[in-house]
C-alpha atoms as a PDB file:
ATOM      1  CA  MET A   1     130.915 107.691 101.265  1.00  0.00           C
ATOM      2  CA  PRO A   2     127.284 107.748 102.799  1.00  0.00           C
ATOM      3  CA  GLN A   3     125.934 104.653 104.080  1.00  0.00           C
ATOM      4  CA  THR A   4     123.183 103.030 101.959  1.00  0.00           C
ATOM      5  CA  ILE A   5     120.698 100.142 102.133  1.00  0.00           C
ATOM      6  CA  LYS A   6     118.775  98.497  99.192  1.00  0.00           C
ATOM      7  CA  SER A   7     114.939  98.091  99.393  1.00  0.00           C
ATOM      8  CA  ARG A   8     113.127  94.974  98.104  1.00  0.00           C
ATOM      9  CA  SER A   9     111.803  97.016  95.149  1.00  0.00           C
ATOM     10  CA  GLY A  10     115.482  97.777  94.244  1.00  0.00           C
ATOM     11  CA  ARG A  11     115.692 101.397  95.449  1.00  0.00           C
ATOM     12  CA  THR A  12     118.896 102.550  97.057  1.00  0.00           C
ATOM     13  CA  LEU A  13     118.246 104.471 100.184  1.00  0.00           C
ATOM     14  CA  VAL A  14     120.575 106.736 101.839  1.00  0.00           C
ATOM     15  CA  LEU A  15     120.980 106.369 105.541  1.00  0.00           C
ATOM     16  CA  PRO A  16     121.297 109.584 107.879  1.00  0.00           C
ATOM     17  CA  THR A  17     124.790 109.963 109.697  1.00  0.00           C
ATOM     18  CA  GLN A  18     124.818 109.921 113.502  1.00  0.00           C
ATOM     19  CA  GLU A  19     124.900 113.912 113.338  1.00  0.00           C
ATOM     20  CA  GLU A  20     121.985 114.020 111.102  1.00  0.00           C
ATOM     21  CA  ASP A  21     120.082 111.568 112.989  1.00  0.00           C
ATOM     22  CA  VAL A  22     120.780 113.450 116.202  1.00  0.00           C
ATOM     23  CA  ALA A  23     119.337 116.600 114.470  1.00  0.00           C
ATOM     24  CA  ILE A  24     116.217 114.847 112.982  1.00  0.00           C
ATOM     25  CA  THR A  25     115.569 113.448 116.643  1.00  0.00           C
ATOM     26  CA  ALA A  26     115.904 116.763 118.180  1.00  0.00           C
ATOM     27  CA  ALA A  27     113.658 118.346 115.459  1.00  0.00           C
ATOM     28  CA  ALA A  28     110.810 115.552 116.165  1.00  0.00           C
ATOM     29  CA  MET A  29     111.148 115.895 119.962  1.00  0.00           C
ATOM     30  CA  SER A  30     110.591 119.740 119.715  1.00  0.00           C
ATOM     31  CA  ASP A  31     107.212 119.217 117.798  1.00  0.00           C
ATOM     32  CA  PRO A  32     104.583 119.054 120.664  1.00  0.00           C
ATOM     33  CA  ASP A  33     101.950 117.932 118.096  1.00  0.00           C
ATOM     34  CA  ALA A  34     103.933 115.115 116.902  1.00  0.00           C
ATOM     35  CA  MET A  35     105.605 113.503 119.983  1.00  0.00           C
ATOM     36  CA  PRO A  36     107.351 110.051 118.983  1.00  0.00           C
ATOM     37  CA  TYR A  37     105.945 106.932 120.931  1.00  0.00           C
ATOM     38  CA  THR A  38     107.559 105.796 124.160  1.00  0.00           C
ATOM     39  CA  ASP A  39     109.032 102.221 124.495  1.00  0.00           C
ATOM     40  CA  ALA A  40     105.791 101.262 126.542  1.00  0.00           C
ATOM     41  CA  GLU A  41     103.525 102.697 123.800  1.00  0.00           C
ATOM     42  CA  TRP A  42     105.487 100.641 120.880  1.00  0.00           C
ATOM     43  CA  LYS A  43     104.933  97.730 123.091  1.00  0.00           C
ATOM     44  CA  ALA A  44     101.339  98.066 123.273  1.00  0.00           C
ATOM     45  CA  VAL A  45     101.070  98.526 119.470  1.00  0.00           C
ATOM     46  CA  LYS A  46      99.397  95.568 117.733  1.00  0.00           C
ATOM     47  CA  PRO A  47      98.272  94.970 114.232  1.00  0.00           C
ATOM     48  CA  LEU A  48      94.808  95.940 113.465  1.00  0.00           C
ATOM     49  CA  LEU A  49      94.419  93.006 110.782  1.00  0.00           C
ATOM     50  CA  ARG A  50      96.401  90.258 109.379  1.00  0.00           C
ATOM     51  CA  ARG A  51      96.030  88.667 106.024  1.00  0.00           C
ATOM     52  CA  GLY A  52      93.200  86.206 106.286  1.00  0.00           C
ATOM     53  CA  ALA A  53      92.650  86.902 109.890  1.00  0.00           C
ATOM     54  CA  VAL A  54      89.242  86.848 111.420  1.00  0.00           C
ATOM     55  CA  LEU A  55      87.903  90.048 112.582  1.00  0.00           C
ATOM     56  CA  PRO A  56      86.872  90.211 116.199  1.00  0.00           C
ATOM     57  CA  ARG A  57      83.727  92.248 115.779  1.00  0.00           C
ATOM     58  CA  THR A  58      82.357  90.669 112.827  1.00  0.00           C
ATOM     59  CA  GLY A  59      83.710  87.351 112.872  1.00  0.00           C
ATOM     60  CA  ALA A  60      83.965  87.515 109.204  1.00  0.00           C
ATOM     61  CA  ASN A  61      86.974  86.280 107.185  1.00  0.00           C
ATOM     62  CA  LEU A  62      88.382  88.931 105.059  1.00  0.00           C
ATOM     63  CA  PRO A  63      91.129  87.824 102.770  1.00  0.00           C
ATOM     64  CA  LEU A  64      93.418  90.276 101.034  1.00  0.00           C
ATOM     65  CA  VAL A  65      92.131  90.664  97.444  1.00  0.00           C
ATOM     66  CA  LEU A  66      94.108  92.714  95.079  1.00  0.00           C
ATOM     67  CA  GLY A  67      92.703  91.953  91.765  1.00  0.00           C
ATOM     68  CA  PRO A  68      91.614  89.054  89.492  1.00  0.00           C
ATOM     69  CA  LYS A  69      93.858  85.886  89.625  1.00  0.00           C
ATOM     70  CA  ARG A  70      96.624  85.538  87.042  1.00  0.00           C
ATOM     71  CA  GLY A  71      95.869  83.128  84.343  1.00  0.00           C
ATOM     72  CA  ARG A  72      92.251  83.382  84.665  1.00  0.00           C
ATOM     73  CA  GLU A  73      89.992  85.228  82.268  1.00  0.00           C
ATOM     74  CA  ALA A  74      87.535  88.034  83.361  1.00  0.00           C
ATOM     75  CA  SER A  75      84.076  86.621  83.353  1.00  0.00           C
END
């Protein structure tokens, strides 16, 4: 039986077997245009923007706005 996990949205995801993972990794490593990040590159990765964070270039505070607040009528 395949190993599965459930996402927060409720979807069931089938994880690859060890053999499938080896094949996927080998295919990724053989593509010169899409080389995976090294461990050092992953350590250097930082999020560009966090919710409610101040942007360093503008100093503007940009909260994440997805739409009108619930319970309020549109004006």
